[in-house]
Structure formats: C-alpha cells, structure tokens
Amino acid sequence: MSSLDHLVLATPDLAATVNEVARLTGTRPVPGGVHQGLGTRNFLLGVGEGAYLEIIGPDPEQPSPDKWRPFGIDTLTEARLVTWAVRTEDIDGAVAASRAAGYDPGEPWEMTRRTPEGADLAWRLTLDKEGRHRGPVPFLIDWGSTPHPAAGLPIVPLVSIEAVHPHPERVEPHIEAVGAKLPMKAANRGALAATLFGEAGLVVLI
C-alpha cells in the first residue's frame, strides 16, 4: 500500500488561510517555497508519520500564469481541502500497477519548487497538467533523491482523513488501484475532511 504523503489545502488567499490554520491549530505553518511559472507558493505543516499539510495559493510576487493555477485555485472563493497525495518510491511501477487494476492516474512528470533558502526541490507526480486534479482519488508522488519536505516541520498530528461522495462505489476502486485506502460515505456532494489534533483540541479541515 502507498502511504500518505501530503494533504492539499488550496486557497484564493494564501496569507489569510495560513493565519487561520495557525489560529485553529495553535501552530504556524512555515514557508515552503515558490512554484515558478505556476503562479503559486505554499506553506507547510507536518501532520506526523512523515506526512504534511500543504497550503497552496496565488503568489503575489509572480505574474498570473498563462494557464490556470493547479487545484482549481482560480475558481475558489474560500479555502478547501481539495485532494491528497500518496508517496511511492517507484512511480512508474505504481502507475503500471494502477493501470493494470483499471485506473489510469496519468503519466508522471517532473515539478520543481524553490525553497526560501534558495534550494531547488524536484519530484515526479501524476498531477493533472491542466491543474484540474481535485477530489478523493489521490495523485502519486515520488521524491526520488530529494529530501522530503516533511523533515523538520512543526507537527500537528493527523487524527483521520475521510471523504463523502455522491457515488462512493465509482471512486473507491480508483483509490484502491493506486494502492491507497480512504474511508468514504455517500452524500449529496463530494468533500474531503481531515481532522488534526491542535493545541486546543480537534480541528477539522474540509
């Protein structure tokens, strides 16, 4: 089974969402870096077990990109837990296994981020290049030889992650095909929910 790599909290207002997460959890997320050419930057917060929460939004220091920002950021009116990623050490093998199980997660491609210290991180992932990846089916990520971003982050422990969806029976096979598990229930609309244990108690991000 693949393991949780990170949760993606996308927002149209990065500064405001970072402040709100800090207020709710009692722990301030730290700057992650800049995605050059995508018009985004992120802040990170560890959630334990080598995983982290990514808060991603528009970078005011970059011009608007030629294409939409990832995760539908340009269409959001508020912060939303849009999707999640599972980690693999062999993304090509994981993609082949998923396709054999009936779900095509997409062709892996390389993405980079420059940290505040000036280091360039590179990784491969199956994120939709059109920036539309949202929902309970995770994308695959392989950090290769790059140090994992969760190392050294302040931690707010993750208690649980679950989802609701109008048709769980349609998406559960896709989640299983990429080697992941996610508790799901039927509901009128789809949503992800992550529960963290903050300094003042439980915090639910939706």
Protein backbone atom coordinates (compact mmCIF):
# COMPACT_ATOMS: atom_id res chain seq x y z
CA MET A 1 0.00 0.00 0.00
CA SER A 2 1.13 3.56 -0.71
CA SER A 3 1.45 5.89 2.27
CA LEU A 4 0.04 9.36 2.78
CA ASP A 5 2.48 11.99 1.52
CA HIS A 6 0.51 15.19 1.95
CA LEU A 7 -2.90 16.84 2.10
CA VAL A 8 -3.65 19.76 -0.22
CA LEU A 9 -5.47 22.77 1.21
CA ALA A 10 -5.96 25.16 -1.71
CA THR A 11 -6.96 28.76 -1.18
CA PRO A 12 -7.55 32.01 -3.10
CA ASP A 13 -5.93 33.98 -0.24
CA LEU A 14 -2.76 32.29 1.00
CA ALA A 15 -1.88 34.73 3.79
CA ALA A 16 -5.38 34.66 5.27
CA THR A 17 -5.55 30.85 5.20
CA VAL A 18 -2.12 30.45 6.79
CA ASN A 19 -3.23 32.78 9.59
CA GLU A 20 -6.47 30.85 10.05
CA VAL A 21 -4.73 27.46 10.20
CA ALA A 22 -2.29 28.90 12.75
CA ARG A 23 -5.21 30.22 14.82
CA LEU A 24 -7.12 26.94 14.71
CA THR A 25 -4.20 24.61 15.42
CA GLY A 26 -2.02 26.83 17.60
CA THR A 27 0.94 26.09 15.29
CA ARG A 28 2.06 28.35 12.47
CA PRO A 29 2.78 26.76 9.07
CA VAL A 30 6.23 27.52 7.65
CA PRO A 31 7.05 28.81 4.15
CA GLY A 32 7.57 26.00 1.68
CA GLY A 33 8.56 27.84 -1.46
CA VAL A 34 7.61 29.09 -4.90
CA HIS A 35 6.32 27.16 -7.93
CA GLN A 36 7.85 29.23 -10.69
CA GLY A 37 5.63 29.63 -13.74
CA LEU A 38 2.53 28.27 -11.99
CA GLY A 39 1.83 31.48 -10.10
CA THR A 40 1.67 29.72 -6.73
CA ARG A 41 3.60 29.29 -3.50
CA ASN A 42 2.96 27.17 -0.44
CA PHE A 43 3.24 26.87 3.31
CA LEU A 44 3.73 23.55 5.11
CA LEU A 45 2.71 21.98 8.39
CA GLY A 46 3.74 18.48 9.48
CA VAL A 47 0.95 16.05 10.40
CA GLY A 48 3.11 13.16 11.64
CA GLU A 49 4.28 9.84 10.17
CA GLY A 50 6.41 11.69 7.61
CA ALA A 51 3.41 13.45 6.03
CA TYR A 52 2.42 17.10 5.85
CA LEU A 53 -0.31 19.60 5.07
CA GLU A 54 0.34 21.81 2.05
CA ILE A 55 -1.42 25.17 1.97
CA ILE A 56 -1.17 26.43 -1.60
CA GLY A 57 -2.43 29.65 -3.14
CA PRO A 58 -1.61 32.51 -5.52
CA ASP A 59 1.86 34.01 -5.24
CA PRO A 60 1.51 37.81 -5.26
CA GLU A 61 5.14 38.16 -6.38
CA GLN A 62 4.57 36.23 -9.61
CA PRO A 63 2.60 37.36 -12.66
CA SER A 64 -0.60 35.48 -13.43
CA PRO A 65 0.28 32.28 -15.30
CA ASP A 66 -0.74 31.67 -18.89
CA LYS A 67 -2.80 28.70 -17.72
CA TRP A 68 -4.95 28.16 -14.66
CA ARG A 69 -3.24 27.59 -11.33
CA PRO A 70 -3.34 23.98 -10.05
CA PHE A 71 -6.19 22.51 -8.00
CA GLY A 72 -8.74 24.96 -9.40
CA ILE A 73 -7.35 27.75 -7.21
CA ASP A 74 -8.62 30.44 -9.57
CA THR A 75 -12.21 29.23 -9.14
CA LEU A 76 -12.16 29.01 -5.34
CA THR A 77 -13.95 31.53 -3.15
CA GLU A 78 -12.64 30.04 0.11
CA ALA A 79 -10.02 27.59 1.30
CA ARG A 80 -10.83 23.98 0.54
CA LEU A 81 -9.18 20.62 1.24
CA VAL A 82 -9.16 19.66 -2.42
CA THR A 83 -7.21 16.38 -2.62
CA TRP A 84 -4.28 14.39 -1.27
CA ALA A 85 -1.13 12.65 -2.46
CA VAL A 86 0.30 9.21 -1.75
CA ARG A 87 4.02 8.55 -1.78
CA THR A 88 5.77 5.87 -3.80
CA GLU A 89 9.43 5.08 -4.39
CA ASP A 90 8.71 3.72 -7.88
CA ILE A 91 6.17 5.94 -9.58
CA ASP A 92 6.48 4.24 -12.97
CA GLY A 93 5.79 0.87 -11.38
CA ALA A 94 2.91 2.32 -9.35
CA VAL A 95 1.35 3.82 -12.48
CA ALA A 96 1.67 0.49 -14.32
CA ALA A 97 0.09 -1.38 -11.39
CA SER A 98 -2.77 1.11 -11.21
CA ARG A 99 -3.45 0.84 -14.93
CA ALA A 100 -3.46 -2.95 -14.62
CA ALA A 101 -6.06 -2.57 -11.85
CA GLY A 102 -8.30 -0.49 -14.12
CA TYR A 103 -7.43 3.14 -13.30
CA ASP A 104 -5.04 5.41 -15.21
CA PRO A 105 -3.61 8.03 -12.82
CA GLY A 106 -1.83 9.81 -15.66
CA GLU A 107 1.72 9.97 -16.97
CA PRO A 108 4.31 11.04 -14.37
CA TRP A 109 6.01 14.39 -14.95
CA GLU A 110 8.55 16.49 -13.09
CA MET A 111 7.73 19.51 -10.96
CA THR A 112 10.02 21.84 -9.02
CA ARG A 113 9.88 24.31 -6.14
CA ARG A 114 12.43 26.82 -4.86
CA THR A 115 12.68 26.99 -1.08
CA PRO A 116 13.09 30.24 0.86
CA GLU A 117 16.75 29.24 1.37
CA GLY A 118 17.26 29.11 -2.41
CA ALA A 119 17.38 25.33 -2.82
CA ASP A 120 15.60 23.73 -5.76
CA LEU A 121 13.48 20.68 -4.99
CA ALA A 122 12.37 18.32 -7.76
CA TRP A 123 9.93 15.45 -7.77
CA ARG A 124 7.73 13.43 -10.10
CA LEU A 125 3.98 13.17 -9.78
CA THR A 126 0.80 12.26 -11.66
CA LEU A 127 -0.94 15.58 -11.03
CA ASP A 128 -3.13 16.64 -13.95
CA LYS A 129 -1.07 19.11 -16.02
CA GLU A 130 -4.22 21.11 -16.68
CA GLY A 131 -4.45 21.82 -12.96
CA ARG A 132 -7.85 20.22 -12.52
CA HIS A 133 -6.99 17.44 -10.07
CA ARG A 134 -9.46 17.58 -7.20
CA GLY A 135 -11.41 15.01 -5.22
CA PRO A 136 -10.90 11.87 -3.14
CA VAL A 137 -8.70 9.96 -5.59
CA PRO A 138 -5.10 10.83 -4.66
CA PHE A 139 -2.31 11.56 -7.07
CA LEU A 140 1.01 9.71 -6.87
CA ILE A 141 4.27 11.42 -5.93
CA ASP A 142 7.87 10.23 -5.97
CA TRP A 143 10.54 12.43 -4.34
CA GLY A 144 13.46 10.43 -5.69
CA SER A 145 16.69 11.68 -4.14
CA THR A 146 15.16 14.99 -2.99
CA PRO A 147 14.94 15.36 0.82
CA HIS A 148 11.32 15.01 1.88
CA PRO A 149 9.64 18.34 2.79
CA ALA A 150 8.13 16.93 5.99
CA ALA A 151 11.54 16.71 7.66
CA GLY A 152 11.89 19.31 10.40
CA LEU A 153 8.38 20.73 10.11
CA PRO A 154 6.33 21.68 13.19
CA ILE A 155 3.74 18.94 13.71
CA VAL A 156 0.03 19.00 14.36
CA PRO A 157 -0.92 15.29 14.42
CA LEU A 158 -3.37 13.97 11.87
CA VAL A 159 -6.18 12.03 13.56
CA SER A 160 -8.09 10.95 10.45
CA ILE A 161 -8.88 11.65 6.83
CA GLU A 162 -12.18 10.66 5.24
CA ALA A 163 -14.44 11.59 2.35
CA VAL A 164 -18.04 11.80 1.27
CA HIS A 165 -19.13 11.38 -2.34
CA PRO A 166 -22.41 11.00 -4.27
CA HIS A 167 -21.19 7.68 -5.70
CA PRO A 168 -18.52 6.09 -3.47
CA GLU A 169 -18.74 2.85 -5.44
CA ARG A 170 -17.39 4.65 -8.51
CA VAL A 171 -14.30 6.15 -6.92
CA GLU A 172 -13.33 3.54 -4.32
CA PRO A 173 -11.88 1.18 -7.00
CA HIS A 174 -9.71 4.05 -8.28
CA ILE A 175 -8.39 4.78 -4.78
CA GLU A 176 -7.59 1.11 -4.28
CA ALA A 177 -5.92 0.91 -7.71
CA VAL A 178 -3.27 3.47 -6.69
CA GLY A 179 -2.61 1.47 -3.53
CA ALA A 180 -4.43 3.74 -1.08
CA LYS A 181 -7.29 3.48 1.39
CA LEU A 182 -9.80 6.16 2.37
CA PRO A 183 -12.96 5.79 4.48
CA MET A 184 -15.92 7.01 2.40
CA LYS A 185 -19.62 7.63 2.88
CA ALA A 186 -22.41 8.52 0.47
CA ALA A 187 -23.57 12.14 0.42
CA ASN A 188 -25.17 14.63 -1.94
CA ARG A 189 -21.87 16.37 -2.62
CA GLY A 190 -18.24 15.37 -2.54
CA ALA A 191 -15.79 16.57 0.10
CA LEU A 192 -12.64 15.59 1.93
CA ALA A 193 -12.21 16.11 5.66
CA ALA A 194 -9.01 15.91 7.68
CA THR A 195 -9.07 16.01 11.48
CA LEU A 196 -5.98 17.36 13.23
CA PHE A 197 -5.19 17.46 16.94
CA GLY A 198 -4.31 21.07 17.65
CA GLU A 199 -3.18 22.71 20.87
CA ALA A 200 -6.78 23.42 21.89
CA GLY A 201 -8.29 20.16 20.63
CA LEU A 202 -9.61 18.71 17.40
CA VAL A 203 -9.56 20.81 14.21
CA VAL A 204 -11.44 19.70 11.08
CA LEU A 205 -10.32 20.96 7.67
CA ILE A 206 -12.84 20.50 4.86
